[in-house]
């Protein structure tokens, strides 16, 4: 995964609360067993972005020309609730979104986000209201520093929180296996000691090198 240390991007406000995974990525577009090469970006917020006639809605913020290329989404509480659909995260990432700001998240969505290099940053609800106002004109750029857990927009500064383990993973672009590999020397030392202590418990062959 691509590490996130500092992020400079257009931020778009979606002030609704309880945006669930079906709103982020409707289930009917998961027709293929595998993620298509073209990605899921065209289906991101599909039913919110389009009217019953299929045409893009002018009143939906992500459709505004000034918000094209958005990299950060600021949303209301309980973002990504509902099903465990990882396709919701795929759609965000495929569209170029690297961070979502919200007061709270669906637990499974937040874990899926980190697994795919997407930062689920928690921002105080009062600060989110201020951010919604600052981002309302559209096309507003935000600077985010994951090392300091701080973001700035329109010369205003805000703190956010993220699970410390998730923060480490995102700063380094690590998945869960990488988190284990960073302890490789300690694991190897334990294995050597265990072979000396319990030779009778060892396999009769050496595992193949990775």
Protein backbone atom coordinates (compact mmCIF):
# COMPACT_ATOMS: atom_id res chain seq x y z
CA UNK A 1 0.00 0.00 0.00
CA UNK A 2 1.07 3.59 -0.55
CA UNK A 3 1.99 5.18 2.80
CA UNK A 4 0.14 8.23 4.06
CA UNK A 5 2.33 10.74 5.91
CA UNK A 6 1.13 14.08 4.62
CA UNK A 7 -1.81 14.53 2.33
CA UNK A 8 -2.70 17.63 0.35
CA UNK A 9 -5.98 17.30 -1.51
CA UNK A 10 -9.36 18.80 -2.31
CA UNK A 11 -11.79 18.00 0.49
CA UNK A 12 -15.52 17.64 -0.12
CA UNK A 13 -18.23 17.87 2.54
CA UNK A 14 -21.03 15.27 2.72
CA UNK A 15 -22.75 16.35 5.97
CA UNK A 16 -25.29 13.51 6.07
CA UNK A 17 -25.20 11.14 9.03
CA UNK A 18 -25.45 7.35 8.75
CA UNK A 19 -24.14 7.07 5.19
CA UNK A 20 -24.05 3.29 4.92
CA UNK A 21 -22.04 0.99 2.69
CA UNK A 22 -24.95 0.47 0.30
CA UNK A 23 -25.09 4.21 -0.28
CA UNK A 24 -21.33 4.32 -0.79
CA UNK A 25 -21.43 1.36 -3.18
CA UNK A 26 -24.79 -0.22 -4.08
CA UNK A 27 -24.81 -4.02 -3.86
CA UNK A 28 -26.23 -4.50 -7.35
CA UNK A 29 -22.90 -3.43 -8.86
CA UNK A 30 -21.06 -6.31 -7.24
CA UNK A 31 -21.90 -8.63 -10.13
CA UNK A 32 -18.36 -9.88 -10.65
CA UNK A 33 -16.62 -12.16 -8.21
CA UNK A 34 -13.47 -10.07 -8.57
CA UNK A 35 -12.88 -6.34 -8.65
CA UNK A 36 -12.90 -5.33 -12.32
CA UNK A 37 -9.69 -3.88 -13.82
CA UNK A 38 -11.45 -0.56 -14.30
CA UNK A 39 -12.28 -0.39 -10.60
CA UNK A 40 -15.48 0.61 -8.81
CA UNK A 41 -15.06 4.38 -9.02
CA UNK A 42 -17.98 4.88 -11.46
CA UNK A 43 -20.37 3.44 -8.85
CA UNK A 44 -19.21 5.53 -5.88
CA UNK A 45 -22.29 7.06 -4.21
CA UNK A 46 -24.17 6.08 -7.38
CA UNK A 47 -27.72 6.49 -6.07
CA UNK A 48 -26.90 9.69 -4.20
CA UNK A 49 -25.14 11.23 -7.19
CA UNK A 50 -27.84 10.42 -9.72
CA UNK A 51 -31.55 11.04 -9.99
CA UNK A 52 -34.19 8.47 -10.96
CA UNK A 53 -33.47 9.27 -14.62
CA UNK A 54 -29.83 8.28 -14.18
CA UNK A 55 -28.55 11.80 -14.75
CA UNK A 56 -26.05 13.40 -12.37
CA UNK A 57 -27.67 15.63 -9.74
CA UNK A 58 -26.36 19.17 -9.73
CA UNK A 59 -26.98 19.50 -5.99
CA UNK A 60 -24.69 16.62 -4.98
CA UNK A 61 -21.29 18.05 -3.93
CA UNK A 62 -19.13 15.41 -5.62
CA UNK A 63 -20.72 16.25 -8.97
CA UNK A 64 -19.58 19.88 -8.86
CA UNK A 65 -16.75 20.56 -11.35
CA UNK A 66 -14.90 22.44 -8.62
CA UNK A 67 -14.73 19.25 -6.54
CA UNK A 68 -13.31 16.98 -9.20
CA UNK A 69 -10.20 15.15 -8.07
CA UNK A 70 -11.36 15.04 -4.46
CA UNK A 71 -8.98 13.17 -2.15
CA UNK A 72 -10.66 13.73 1.23
CA UNK A 73 -14.31 13.35 2.19
CA UNK A 74 -15.77 14.96 5.32
CA UNK A 75 -18.95 13.21 6.46
CA UNK A 76 -21.41 12.94 9.32
CA UNK A 77 -21.24 10.42 12.13
CA UNK A 78 -21.59 6.66 11.64
CA UNK A 79 -20.07 6.69 8.18
CA UNK A 80 -19.81 3.25 6.56
CA UNK A 81 -22.39 1.57 8.76
CA UNK A 82 -24.49 -1.32 7.52
CA UNK A 83 -23.02 -4.33 5.77
CA UNK A 84 -19.40 -5.50 5.79
CA UNK A 85 -19.12 -4.78 2.06
CA UNK A 86 -15.46 -4.13 1.29
CA UNK A 87 -16.49 -2.89 -2.14
CA UNK A 88 -17.47 0.39 -0.46
CA UNK A 89 -13.82 0.95 0.42
CA UNK A 90 -12.70 -0.19 -3.05
CA UNK A 91 -14.98 2.40 -4.66
CA UNK A 92 -13.55 5.21 -2.52
CA UNK A 93 -9.95 4.18 -3.15
CA UNK A 94 -10.54 3.64 -6.88
CA UNK A 95 -11.92 7.18 -7.06
CA UNK A 96 -8.73 8.58 -5.51
CA UNK A 97 -10.02 9.17 -1.98
CA UNK A 98 -7.27 8.62 0.61
CA UNK A 99 -9.05 9.83 3.75
CA UNK A 100 -12.52 10.11 5.24
CA UNK A 101 -13.17 12.47 8.15
CA UNK A 102 -16.12 11.71 10.42
CA UNK A 103 -16.98 11.64 14.13
CA UNK A 104 -17.54 7.86 14.00
CA UNK A 105 -17.55 4.89 11.63
CA UNK A 106 -18.99 1.46 11.17
CA UNK A 107 -16.40 -0.81 12.80
CA UNK A 108 -15.99 -3.19 9.85
CA UNK A 109 -15.80 -0.33 7.36
CA UNK A 110 -13.00 1.33 9.35
CA UNK A 111 -10.99 -1.91 9.48
CA UNK A 112 -11.52 -2.51 5.75
CA UNK A 113 -10.43 1.07 5.08
CA UNK A 114 -7.08 0.62 6.80
CA UNK A 115 -6.54 -2.71 5.01
CA UNK A 116 -6.79 -0.81 1.72
CA UNK A 117 -4.73 2.27 2.61
CA UNK A 118 -7.68 4.57 3.36
CA UNK A 119 -7.46 6.69 6.53
CA UNK A 120 -10.63 6.74 8.69
CA UNK A 121 -9.86 9.83 10.80
CA UNK A 122 -12.14 10.65 13.73
CA UNK A 123 -12.91 14.34 14.19
CA UNK A 124 -14.86 15.86 17.05
CA UNK A 125 -18.48 16.46 16.07
CA UNK A 126 -18.30 20.19 16.82
CA UNK A 127 -15.16 20.52 14.69
CA UNK A 128 -16.90 18.63 11.89
CA UNK A 129 -19.64 21.26 11.82
CA UNK A 130 -16.98 23.95 11.42
CA UNK A 131 -15.32 21.94 8.66
CA UNK A 132 -18.62 21.54 6.82
CA UNK A 133 -18.95 25.33 6.75
CA UNK A 134 -15.37 25.85 5.58
CA UNK A 135 -15.73 23.26 2.82
CA UNK A 136 -19.18 24.40 1.65
CA UNK A 137 -17.90 26.67 -1.18
CA UNK A 138 -16.30 23.65 -2.86
CA UNK A 139 -12.84 23.16 -4.29
CA UNK A 140 -11.20 23.76 -0.92
CA UNK A 141 -7.76 22.22 -0.39
CA UNK A 142 -6.87 20.57 2.90
CA UNK A 143 -3.48 19.70 4.36
CA UNK A 144 -3.39 16.61 6.55
CA UNK A 145 -0.48 15.41 8.67
CA UNK A 146 -0.90 11.84 9.92
CA UNK A 147 2.30 12.02 11.95
CA UNK A 148 0.88 14.90 14.00
CA UNK A 149 -2.79 13.82 13.67
CA UNK A 150 -3.64 17.32 12.55
CA UNK A 151 -5.29 18.93 9.54
CA UNK A 152 -5.50 22.49 8.31
CA UNK A 153 -8.00 24.15 6.02
CA UNK A 154 -8.49 27.86 5.32
CA UNK A 155 -5.84 28.64 7.97
CA UNK A 156 -7.82 26.77 10.61
CA UNK A 157 -6.27 23.81 12.40
CA UNK A 158 -8.07 20.72 13.71
CA UNK A 159 -6.94 17.58 15.50
CA UNK A 160 -8.13 14.09 14.66
CA UNK A 161 -7.63 10.64 16.16
CA UNK A 162 -6.96 7.22 14.72
CA UNK A 163 -6.13 3.89 16.35
CA UNK A 164 -2.35 3.89 17.08
CA UNK A 165 -1.79 0.52 15.37
CA UNK A 166 -3.72 1.66 12.30
CA UNK A 167 -1.73 4.90 12.29
CA UNK A 168 1.54 2.93 12.24
CA UNK A 169 0.30 0.77 9.38
CA UNK A 170 -0.87 3.72 7.28
CA UNK A 171 2.30 5.75 7.89
CA UNK A 172 4.38 2.84 6.60
CA UNK A 173 2.01 1.40 4.01
CA UNK A 174 1.94 -1.89 5.93
CA UNK A 175 -0.66 -4.63 5.88
CA UNK A 176 -1.17 -7.04 8.79
CA UNK A 177 1.54 -9.40 7.54
CA UNK A 178 4.02 -6.53 7.40
CA UNK A 179 3.17 -5.73 11.02
CA UNK A 180 4.27 -9.27 11.93
CA UNK A 181 7.38 -9.14 9.74
CA UNK A 182 8.75 -6.15 11.64
CA UNK A 183 9.29 -8.58 14.54
CA UNK A 184 11.16 -11.05 12.30
CA UNK A 185 14.39 -10.95 14.34
CA UNK A 186 12.56 -11.58 17.61
CA UNK A 187 10.58 -14.43 16.03
CA UNK A 188 13.77 -16.01 14.65
CA UNK A 189 15.48 -15.73 18.04
CA UNK A 190 12.52 -17.40 19.75
CA UNK A 191 12.55 -20.23 17.20
CA UNK A 192 16.28 -20.83 17.77
CA UNK A 193 15.77 -20.90 21.53
CA UNK A 194 12.78 -23.22 21.20
CA UNK A 195 14.79 -25.65 19.05
CA UNK A 196 17.41 -25.85 21.80
CA UNK A 197 14.83 -26.13 24.56
CA UNK A 198 12.48 -28.63 22.86
CA UNK A 199 14.31 -30.44 20.06
CA UNK A 200 11.75 -33.23 20.25
CA UNK A 201 8.99 -30.81 19.19
CA UNK A 202 10.66 -29.62 15.99
CA UNK A 203 9.68 -30.59 12.46
CA UNK A 204 12.00 -33.08 10.80
CA UNK A 205 12.56 -30.67 7.90
CA UNK A 206 13.21 -27.00 7.34
CA UNK A 207 10.36 -25.02 5.78
CA UNK A 208 11.02 -23.58 2.34
CA UNK A 209 12.25 -20.00 2.23
CA UNK A 210 9.61 -17.38 1.48
